[in-house]
Amino acid sequence: MLGIPIKADQFTKEKAMFRYSRLLIDMALDGQLPKYIDFINDCDVVIRKVVKYEWTSFKCDHYRIYGHKEEQCRKKVAQTK
């Protein structure tokens, strides 16, 4: 649902720790990052889980690029002066 799974930690692979799963996922950078995912568990019950991102890049919406926030964009700040 989030993207292409690349890697999982040992506890997630072995289903040894049910408090959380830790995955490395290749995701598209356009649009918003989902705040939660819905999935069906082994008992056919729909579960909604909050997604916590360990790391996200800053995005400049002015130039639609990653690396800095729009508030920190030097060219946009220079244009408003």
N, C-alpha and C. Protein backbone atom coordinates (compact mmCIF):
# COMPACT_ATOMS: atom_id res chain seq x y z
N MET A 1 0.81 -1.20 0.00
CA MET A 1 0.00 0.00 0.00
C MET A 1 0.85 1.26 0.00
N LEU A 2 2.01 1.20 0.65
CA LEU A 2 2.86 2.38 0.74
C LEU A 2 3.85 2.46 -0.42
N GLY A 3 4.26 1.30 -0.91
CA GLY A 3 5.25 1.26 -1.97
C GLY A 3 5.81 -0.14 -2.11
N ILE A 4 7.03 -0.24 -2.61
CA ILE A 4 7.67 -1.53 -2.83
C ILE A 4 8.54 -1.88 -1.63
N PRO A 5 8.21 -2.97 -0.92
CA PRO A 5 9.04 -3.35 0.23
C PRO A 5 10.42 -3.81 -0.22
N ILE A 6 11.45 -3.32 0.46
CA ILE A 6 12.83 -3.66 0.10
C ILE A 6 13.46 -4.56 1.17
N LYS A 7 13.25 -4.20 2.43
CA LYS A 7 13.92 -4.93 3.50
C LYS A 7 13.07 -4.86 4.77
N ALA A 8 13.15 -5.89 5.60
CA ALA A 8 12.47 -5.92 6.89
C ALA A 8 13.48 -6.34 7.95
N ASP A 9 13.28 -5.87 9.18
CA ASP A 9 14.19 -6.29 10.25
C ASP A 9 13.89 -7.73 10.64
N GLN A 10 14.79 -8.34 11.42
CA GLN A 10 14.70 -9.76 11.75
C GLN A 10 13.41 -10.09 12.50
N PHE A 11 12.99 -9.24 13.47
CA PHE A 11 11.78 -9.50 14.24
C PHE A 11 10.53 -9.48 13.36
N THR A 12 10.51 -8.59 12.39
CA THR A 12 9.37 -8.51 11.47
C THR A 12 9.33 -9.74 10.57
N LYS A 13 10.48 -10.15 10.05
CA LYS A 13 10.53 -11.33 9.20
C LYS A 13 10.04 -12.58 9.93
N GLU A 14 10.46 -12.72 11.18
CA GLU A 14 10.10 -13.91 11.95
C GLU A 14 8.76 -13.78 12.68
N LYS A 15 8.12 -12.63 12.55
CA LYS A 15 6.86 -12.33 13.25
C LYS A 15 7.03 -12.58 14.75
N ALA A 16 8.17 -12.15 15.27
CA ALA A 16 8.51 -12.39 16.67
C ALA A 16 8.07 -11.26 17.59
N MET A 17 7.93 -10.05 17.08
CA MET A 17 7.55 -8.92 17.91
C MET A 17 6.31 -8.28 17.29
N PHE A 18 5.21 -8.30 18.00
CA PHE A 18 3.96 -7.82 17.45
C PHE A 18 3.64 -6.38 17.80
N ARG A 19 4.53 -5.70 18.50
CA ARG A 19 4.28 -4.30 18.85
C ARG A 19 4.41 -3.40 17.62
N TYR A 20 5.35 -3.71 16.76
CA TYR A 20 5.55 -2.91 15.56
C TYR A 20 6.27 -3.73 14.51
N SER A 21 6.19 -3.27 13.28
CA SER A 21 6.96 -3.83 12.17
C SER A 21 7.89 -2.74 11.68
N ARG A 22 9.05 -3.13 11.24
CA ARG A 22 10.01 -2.14 10.75
C ARG A 22 10.41 -2.56 9.34
N LEU A 23 10.10 -1.68 8.38
CA LEU A 23 10.32 -1.99 6.97
C LEU A 23 11.02 -0.85 6.26
N LEU A 24 11.80 -1.19 5.26
CA LEU A 24 12.36 -0.22 4.34
C LEU A 24 11.53 -0.32 3.07
N ILE A 25 10.91 0.78 2.66
CA ILE A 25 9.98 0.76 1.54
C ILE A 25 10.38 1.82 0.52
N ASP A 26 10.39 1.44 -0.75
CA ASP A 26 10.62 2.38 -1.84
C ASP A 26 9.28 3.02 -2.16
N MET A 27 9.18 4.34 -1.94
CA MET A 27 7.90 5.04 -2.12
C MET A 27 8.03 6.15 -3.13
N ALA A 28 6.92 6.45 -3.79
CA ALA A 28 6.87 7.61 -4.69
C ALA A 28 6.96 8.88 -3.85
N LEU A 29 7.66 9.88 -4.35
CA LEU A 29 7.87 11.10 -3.58
C LEU A 29 6.83 12.17 -3.83
N ASP A 30 5.96 11.95 -4.80
CA ASP A 30 4.93 12.95 -5.06
C ASP A 30 3.72 12.70 -4.16
N GLY A 31 3.05 13.74 -3.78
CA GLY A 31 1.87 13.60 -2.93
C GLY A 31 2.22 13.52 -1.46
N GLN A 32 1.19 13.31 -0.65
CA GLN A 32 1.35 13.24 0.80
C GLN A 32 1.73 11.82 1.22
N LEU A 33 2.45 11.72 2.33
CA LEU A 33 2.76 10.42 2.90
C LEU A 33 1.56 9.97 3.73
N PRO A 34 1.11 8.73 3.54
CA PRO A 34 -0.06 8.26 4.28
C PRO A 34 0.19 8.26 5.79
N LYS A 35 -0.83 8.63 6.55
CA LYS A 35 -0.72 8.66 8.01
C LYS A 35 -1.12 7.32 8.62
N TYR A 36 -1.84 6.51 7.89
CA TYR A 36 -2.24 5.19 8.38
C TYR A 36 -2.47 4.25 7.21
N ILE A 37 -2.48 2.94 7.50
CA ILE A 37 -2.81 1.94 6.50
C ILE A 37 -3.88 1.02 7.08
N ASP A 38 -4.72 0.50 6.22
CA ASP A 38 -5.73 -0.48 6.59
C ASP A 38 -5.34 -1.82 5.98
N PHE A 39 -5.46 -2.88 6.76
CA PHE A 39 -5.18 -4.22 6.25
C PHE A 39 -6.09 -5.22 6.94
N ILE A 40 -6.19 -6.40 6.35
CA ILE A 40 -7.02 -7.48 6.91
C ILE A 40 -6.09 -8.48 7.59
N ASN A 41 -6.34 -8.75 8.86
CA ASN A 41 -5.48 -9.67 9.60
C ASN A 41 -5.86 -11.13 9.34
N ASP A 42 -5.24 -12.05 10.05
CA ASP A 42 -5.48 -13.48 9.85
C ASP A 42 -6.90 -13.91 10.19
N CYS A 43 -7.60 -13.11 10.99
CA CYS A 43 -8.99 -13.43 11.39
C CYS A 43 -10.01 -12.70 10.52
N ASP A 44 -9.57 -12.17 9.37
CA ASP A 44 -10.41 -11.43 8.43
C ASP A 44 -11.04 -10.17 9.05
N VAL A 45 -10.31 -9.53 9.95
CA VAL A 45 -10.76 -8.29 10.58
C VAL A 45 -9.92 -7.15 10.00
N VAL A 46 -10.58 -6.06 9.61
CA VAL A 46 -9.86 -4.90 9.07
C VAL A 46 -9.22 -4.15 10.24
N ILE A 47 -7.92 -3.93 10.13
CA ILE A 47 -7.14 -3.24 11.16
C ILE A 47 -6.58 -1.96 10.55
N ARG A 48 -6.65 -0.88 11.30
CA ARG A 48 -6.05 0.40 10.87
C ARG A 48 -4.86 0.67 11.77
N LYS A 49 -3.70 0.86 11.16
CA LYS A 49 -2.47 1.13 11.90
C LYS A 49 -1.89 2.47 11.48
N VAL A 50 -1.42 3.20 12.45
CA VAL A 50 -0.75 4.48 12.20
C VAL A 50 0.64 4.20 11.64
N VAL A 51 1.05 4.95 10.64
CA VAL A 51 2.37 4.81 10.05
C VAL A 51 3.28 5.86 10.68
N LYS A 52 4.40 5.42 11.22
CA LYS A 52 5.40 6.34 11.78
C LYS A 52 6.64 6.24 10.91
N TYR A 53 7.08 7.37 10.42
CA TYR A 53 8.24 7.43 9.54
C TYR A 53 9.47 7.77 10.36
N GLU A 54 10.51 6.93 10.27
CA GLU A 54 11.75 7.22 10.99
C GLU A 54 12.47 8.41 10.36
N TRP A 55 12.32 8.56 9.07
CA TRP A 55 13.01 9.64 8.37
C TRP A 55 12.19 10.04 7.17
N THR A 56 12.05 11.33 6.97
CA THR A 56 11.46 11.86 5.74
C THR A 56 12.29 13.05 5.30
N SER A 57 12.33 13.29 4.03
CA SER A 57 13.07 14.42 3.49
C SER A 57 12.19 15.66 3.49
N PHE A 58 12.82 16.80 3.56
CA PHE A 58 12.09 18.06 3.47
C PHE A 58 11.77 18.34 2.00
N LYS A 59 10.59 18.91 1.75
CA LYS A 59 10.18 19.18 0.38
C LYS A 59 9.86 20.66 0.23
N CYS A 60 10.41 21.26 -0.81
CA CYS A 60 10.09 22.64 -1.16
C CYS A 60 8.92 22.59 -2.15
N ASP A 61 7.75 23.02 -1.69
CA ASP A 61 6.58 23.01 -2.56
C ASP A 61 6.67 24.07 -3.65
N HIS A 62 7.50 25.09 -3.45
CA HIS A 62 7.68 26.14 -4.45
C HIS A 62 8.34 25.57 -5.71
N TYR A 63 9.42 24.78 -5.52
CA TYR A 63 10.13 24.20 -6.66
C TYR A 63 9.81 22.72 -6.88
N ARG A 64 9.04 22.14 -5.97
CA ARG A 64 8.68 20.73 -6.03
C ARG A 64 9.91 19.82 -6.05
N ILE A 65 10.86 20.15 -5.17
CA ILE A 65 12.07 19.34 -5.03
C ILE A 65 12.29 19.04 -3.55
N TYR A 66 13.15 18.08 -3.29
CA TYR A 66 13.46 17.70 -1.92
C TYR A 66 14.81 18.26 -1.51
N GLY A 67 14.97 18.48 -0.23
CA GLY A 67 16.24 18.95 0.30
C GLY A 67 16.10 20.13 1.24
N HIS A 68 15.04 20.91 1.09
CA HIS A 68 14.79 22.03 2.00
C HIS A 68 13.30 22.31 2.06
N LYS A 69 12.90 23.00 3.12
CA LYS A 69 11.50 23.38 3.27
C LYS A 69 11.23 24.66 2.49
N GLU A 70 9.98 24.89 2.16
CA GLU A 70 9.61 26.08 1.40
C GLU A 70 9.97 27.35 2.18
N GLU A 71 9.82 27.30 3.52
CA GLU A 71 10.14 28.48 4.32
C GLU A 71 11.62 28.82 4.27
N GLN A 72 12.47 27.82 3.96
CA GLN A 72 13.91 28.02 3.92
C GLN A 72 14.42 28.21 2.49
N CYS A 73 13.54 28.26 1.52
CA CYS A 73 13.94 28.38 0.13
C CYS A 73 14.54 29.75 -0.13
N ARG A 74 15.82 29.78 -0.49
CA ARG A 74 16.53 31.05 -0.70
C ARG A 74 15.98 31.85 -1.87
N LYS A 75 15.64 31.18 -2.95
CA LYS A 75 15.16 31.90 -4.13
C LYS A 75 13.78 32.47 -3.89
N LYS A 76 12.92 31.75 -3.18
CA LYS A 76 11.60 32.27 -2.90
C LYS A 76 11.67 33.43 -1.92
N VAL A 77 12.53 33.32 -0.92
CA VAL A 77 12.72 34.41 0.05
C VAL A 77 13.24 35.64 -0.68
N ALA A 78 14.18 35.48 -1.61
CA ALA A 78 14.73 36.60 -2.37
C ALA A 78 13.66 37.25 -3.24
N GLN A 79 12.72 36.47 -3.79
CA GLN A 79 11.66 37.03 -4.61
C GLN A 79 10.70 37.88 -3.78
N THR A 80 10.43 37.46 -2.53
CA THR A 80 9.49 38.22 -1.71
C THR A 80 10.10 39.50 -1.18
N LYS A 81 11.43 39.57 -1.10
CA LYS A 81 12.08 40.82 -0.65
C LYS A 81 11.99 41.83 -1.75
